[in-house]
Amino acid sequence: MQVTVEISLYPLNSHFGPIILDFIQNLRSHKELKIKTNSMSTQMTGPFDTVMNVLKTELASAFKSDNKVAVVIKMFSEDLELEWLEK
C-alpha cells in the first residue's frame, strides 16, 4: 500500500532555518521515497512500512537534538500526484 505524508517541522527557536534544512536533507537521503518540498511542508510518498520507518527514525533524531520542535503530520492513504508543487 502506497501512502503520502505531509510533514511540517517547526523549530521553537530563532535559528530555525538550518534545523529545517537538515531535517529535509535527512528525509531526502532515503532514496526509496519520493520527496517534494514547498515553503510550508515536505511531502513524502512510498510504501506504508517504509514511510513509517523513515518517520520514526528522522523524528526521533529531531526530538533527541538540543532543539525543541513541533511537528504537524497529515497522512493520505494513496500515492498522491505531487507534480503540481513544482509549478
N, C-alpha and C. Protein backbone atom coordinates (compact mmCIF):
# COMPACT_ATOMS: atom_id res chain seq x y z
N MET A 1 0.84 -1.17 0.00
CA MET A 1 0.00 0.00 0.00
C MET A 1 0.89 1.24 0.00
N GLN A 2 0.62 2.14 -0.93
CA GLN A 2 1.34 3.41 -1.02
C GLN A 2 0.62 4.47 -0.18
N VAL A 3 1.41 5.33 0.47
CA VAL A 3 0.85 6.44 1.24
C VAL A 3 1.62 7.71 0.93
N THR A 4 0.99 8.83 1.20
CA THR A 4 1.65 10.13 1.10
C THR A 4 1.51 10.81 2.46
N VAL A 5 2.62 11.36 2.93
CA VAL A 5 2.64 12.06 4.21
C VAL A 5 3.08 13.49 3.95
N GLU A 6 2.35 14.42 4.56
CA GLU A 6 2.75 15.82 4.53
C GLU A 6 3.22 16.16 5.94
N ILE A 7 4.44 16.67 6.04
CA ILE A 7 5.02 16.93 7.34
C ILE A 7 5.58 18.35 7.39
N SER A 8 5.29 19.02 8.49
CA SER A 8 5.83 20.36 8.74
C SER A 8 6.55 20.32 10.08
N LEU A 9 7.81 20.73 10.08
CA LEU A 9 8.63 20.78 11.28
C LEU A 9 8.79 22.24 11.68
N TYR A 10 8.48 22.54 12.93
CA TYR A 10 8.57 23.91 13.44
C TYR A 10 9.53 23.96 14.62
N PRO A 11 10.79 24.34 14.38
CA PRO A 11 11.72 24.51 15.50
C PRO A 11 11.25 25.69 16.36
N LEU A 12 11.37 25.52 17.66
CA LEU A 12 10.88 26.54 18.59
C LEU A 12 12.03 27.41 19.10
N ASN A 13 12.82 27.91 18.16
CA ASN A 13 13.87 28.86 18.49
C ASN A 13 14.11 29.78 17.31
N SER A 14 14.94 30.77 17.48
CA SER A 14 15.11 31.79 16.44
C SER A 14 16.01 31.34 15.29
N HIS A 15 16.76 30.27 15.45
CA HIS A 15 17.66 29.78 14.40
C HIS A 15 17.05 28.55 13.74
N PHE A 16 15.88 28.73 13.15
CA PHE A 16 15.10 27.60 12.66
C PHE A 16 15.53 27.11 11.28
N GLY A 17 16.11 27.98 10.45
CA GLY A 17 16.44 27.61 9.07
C GLY A 17 17.30 26.37 8.94
N PRO A 18 18.48 26.35 9.58
CA PRO A 18 19.35 25.17 9.45
C PRO A 18 18.71 23.89 9.99
N ILE A 19 17.90 24.01 11.01
CA ILE A 19 17.25 22.82 11.59
C ILE A 19 16.28 22.21 10.58
N ILE A 20 15.50 23.06 9.93
CA ILE A 20 14.54 22.58 8.93
C ILE A 20 15.27 21.99 7.73
N LEU A 21 16.30 22.67 7.26
CA LEU A 21 17.04 22.18 6.09
C LEU A 21 17.73 20.85 6.39
N ASP A 22 18.27 20.68 7.59
CA ASP A 22 18.88 19.40 7.96
C ASP A 22 17.84 18.29 7.99
N PHE A 23 16.66 18.59 8.52
CA PHE A 23 15.59 17.59 8.58
C PHE A 23 15.19 17.15 7.17
N ILE A 24 15.02 18.12 6.27
CA ILE A 24 14.66 17.80 4.89
C ILE A 24 15.76 17.01 4.21
N GLN A 25 17.02 17.39 4.43
CA GLN A 25 18.14 16.66 3.84
C GLN A 25 18.15 15.21 4.34
N ASN A 26 17.88 15.00 5.62
CA ASN A 26 17.82 13.64 6.15
C ASN A 26 16.70 12.84 5.50
N LEU A 27 15.54 13.46 5.29
CA LEU A 27 14.45 12.76 4.61
C LEU A 27 14.86 12.40 3.19
N ARG A 28 15.51 13.32 2.50
CA ARG A 28 15.92 13.08 1.11
C ARG A 28 16.98 11.99 0.97
N SER A 29 17.66 11.67 2.05
CA SER A 29 18.68 10.61 1.98
C SER A 29 18.05 9.23 1.78
N HIS A 30 16.76 9.13 1.98
CA HIS A 30 16.04 7.87 1.80
C HIS A 30 15.54 7.81 0.36
N LYS A 31 16.37 7.31 -0.51
CA LYS A 31 16.12 7.33 -1.97
C LYS A 31 14.93 6.49 -2.39
N GLU A 32 14.45 5.62 -1.53
CA GLU A 32 13.31 4.77 -1.88
C GLU A 32 11.98 5.53 -1.80
N LEU A 33 12.01 6.78 -1.32
CA LEU A 33 10.80 7.60 -1.20
C LEU A 33 10.83 8.75 -2.19
N LYS A 34 9.63 9.18 -2.62
CA LYS A 34 9.52 10.42 -3.39
C LYS A 34 9.37 11.55 -2.39
N ILE A 35 10.22 12.58 -2.52
CA ILE A 35 10.19 13.71 -1.59
C ILE A 35 9.99 14.99 -2.40
N LYS A 36 9.01 15.79 -1.97
CA LYS A 36 8.77 17.11 -2.57
C LYS A 36 8.68 18.11 -1.42
N THR A 37 9.18 19.30 -1.66
CA THR A 37 9.09 20.33 -0.63
C THR A 37 8.47 21.59 -1.22
N ASN A 38 7.85 22.35 -0.35
CA ASN A 38 7.39 23.69 -0.71
C ASN A 38 7.66 24.59 0.50
N SER A 39 7.18 25.79 0.48
CA SER A 39 7.53 26.72 1.55
C SER A 39 6.87 26.39 2.89
N MET A 40 5.89 25.51 2.90
CA MET A 40 5.18 25.21 4.14
C MET A 40 5.38 23.78 4.66
N SER A 41 5.74 22.85 3.77
CA SER A 41 5.81 21.46 4.22
C SER A 41 6.64 20.62 3.26
N THR A 42 6.85 19.38 3.68
CA THR A 42 7.52 18.38 2.86
C THR A 42 6.56 17.22 2.70
N GLN A 43 6.45 16.70 1.48
CA GLN A 43 5.60 15.56 1.20
C GLN A 43 6.48 14.38 0.82
N MET A 44 6.19 13.23 1.41
CA MET A 44 6.89 12.01 1.05
C MET A 44 5.88 10.95 0.68
N THR A 45 6.22 10.19 -0.35
CA THR A 45 5.36 9.14 -0.84
C THR A 45 6.17 7.86 -0.97
N GLY A 46 5.56 6.77 -0.58
CA GLY A 46 6.22 5.47 -0.69
C GLY A 46 5.39 4.41 -0.02
N PRO A 47 5.97 3.20 0.09
CA PRO A 47 5.27 2.11 0.76
C PRO A 47 5.03 2.46 2.25
N PHE A 48 3.86 2.09 2.75
CA PHE A 48 3.47 2.43 4.12
C PHE A 48 4.55 2.11 5.14
N ASP A 49 5.06 0.89 5.15
CA ASP A 49 6.04 0.49 6.16
C ASP A 49 7.32 1.31 6.04
N THR A 50 7.75 1.59 4.84
CA THR A 50 8.96 2.38 4.63
C THR A 50 8.76 3.81 5.13
N VAL A 51 7.64 4.41 4.77
CA VAL A 51 7.35 5.78 5.21
C VAL A 51 7.31 5.85 6.73
N MET A 52 6.64 4.89 7.36
CA MET A 52 6.54 4.90 8.82
C MET A 52 7.90 4.71 9.48
N ASN A 53 8.73 3.85 8.92
CA ASN A 53 10.07 3.64 9.48
C ASN A 53 10.93 4.88 9.35
N VAL A 54 10.85 5.54 8.20
CA VAL A 54 11.61 6.77 8.00
C VAL A 54 11.12 7.86 8.95
N LEU A 55 9.82 8.00 9.08
CA LEU A 55 9.27 8.98 10.03
C LEU A 55 9.77 8.71 11.44
N LYS A 56 9.71 7.46 11.85
CA LYS A 56 10.16 7.09 13.19
C LYS A 56 11.63 7.45 13.40
N THR A 57 12.46 7.11 12.44
CA THR A 57 13.90 7.38 12.55
C THR A 57 14.20 8.87 12.57
N GLU A 58 13.66 9.60 11.60
CA GLU A 58 14.00 11.01 11.46
C GLU A 58 13.36 11.89 12.53
N LEU A 59 12.16 11.55 12.96
CA LEU A 59 11.55 12.31 14.06
C LEU A 59 12.28 12.04 15.37
N ALA A 60 12.68 10.81 15.60
CA ALA A 60 13.45 10.50 16.81
C ALA A 60 14.74 11.31 16.84
N SER A 61 15.38 11.41 15.69
CA SER A 61 16.61 12.19 15.59
C SER A 61 16.35 13.67 15.88
N ALA A 62 15.27 14.20 15.31
CA ALA A 62 14.93 15.61 15.54
C ALA A 62 14.57 15.86 17.00
N PHE A 63 13.87 14.93 17.63
CA PHE A 63 13.45 15.10 19.01
C PHE A 63 14.61 14.93 19.99
N LYS A 64 15.61 14.13 19.62
CA LYS A 64 16.76 13.91 20.51
C LYS A 64 17.77 15.04 20.47
N SER A 65 17.67 15.90 19.48
CA SER A 65 18.61 17.02 19.38
C SER A 65 18.33 18.01 20.51
N ASP A 66 19.19 18.99 20.64
CA ASP A 66 19.02 20.01 21.68
C ASP A 66 17.92 21.01 21.33
N ASN A 67 17.38 20.91 20.13
CA ASN A 67 16.35 21.85 19.69
C ASN A 67 14.96 21.35 20.04
N LYS A 68 14.13 22.25 20.53
CA LYS A 68 12.73 21.91 20.74
C LYS A 68 12.01 22.13 19.42
N VAL A 69 11.19 21.16 19.03
CA VAL A 69 10.46 21.25 17.77
C VAL A 69 9.01 20.81 17.96
N ALA A 70 8.15 21.37 17.12
CA ALA A 70 6.77 20.90 16.99
C ALA A 70 6.64 20.33 15.58
N VAL A 71 5.82 19.31 15.43
CA VAL A 71 5.64 18.65 14.14
C VAL A 71 4.15 18.49 13.85
N VAL A 72 3.77 18.79 12.61
CA VAL A 72 2.40 18.56 12.16
C VAL A 72 2.48 17.57 10.99
N ILE A 73 1.70 16.49 11.08
CA ILE A 73 1.73 15.44 10.05
C ILE A 73 0.32 15.16 9.57
N LYS A 74 0.18 15.06 8.25
CA LYS A 74 -1.07 14.59 7.63
C LYS A 74 -0.71 13.39 6.78
N MET A 75 -1.53 12.35 6.84
CA MET A 75 -1.29 11.14 6.05
C MET A 75 -2.46 10.90 5.12
N PHE A 76 -2.13 10.46 3.91
CA PHE A 76 -3.13 10.13 2.89
C PHE A 76 -2.93 8.69 2.47
N SER A 77 -4.00 7.97 2.30
CA SER A 77 -3.93 6.53 2.04
C SER A 77 -3.77 6.20 0.56
N GLU A 78 -2.96 6.98 -0.13
CA GLU A 78 -2.67 6.69 -1.53
C GLU A 78 -1.46 7.49 -1.97
N ASP A 79 -0.99 7.16 -3.15
CA ASP A 79 0.13 7.88 -3.77
C ASP A 79 -0.45 9.10 -4.46
N LEU A 80 -0.39 10.24 -3.80
CA LEU A 80 -0.94 11.46 -4.40
C LEU A 80 0.00 12.01 -5.46
N GLU A 81 -0.55 12.62 -6.46
CA GLU A 81 0.24 13.28 -7.50
C GLU A 81 0.80 14.58 -6.93
N LEU A 82 2.11 14.68 -6.84
CA LEU A 82 2.74 15.83 -6.21
C LEU A 82 3.39 16.77 -7.22
N GLU A 83 3.23 16.49 -8.50
CA GLU A 83 3.88 17.31 -9.52
C GLU A 83 3.41 18.76 -9.51
N TRP A 84 2.20 19.01 -9.07
CA TRP A 84 1.66 20.38 -9.05
C TRP A 84 2.50 21.28 -8.15
N LEU A 85 3.26 20.71 -7.23
CA LEU A 85 4.07 21.51 -6.31
C LEU A 85 5.23 22.21 -7.02
N GLU A 86 5.60 21.74 -8.19
CA GLU A 86 6.74 22.31 -8.91
C GLU A 86 6.36 23.47 -9.80
N LYS A 87 5.09 23.79 -9.95
CA LYS A 87 4.66 24.85 -10.86
C LYS A 87 4.66 26.18 -10.17
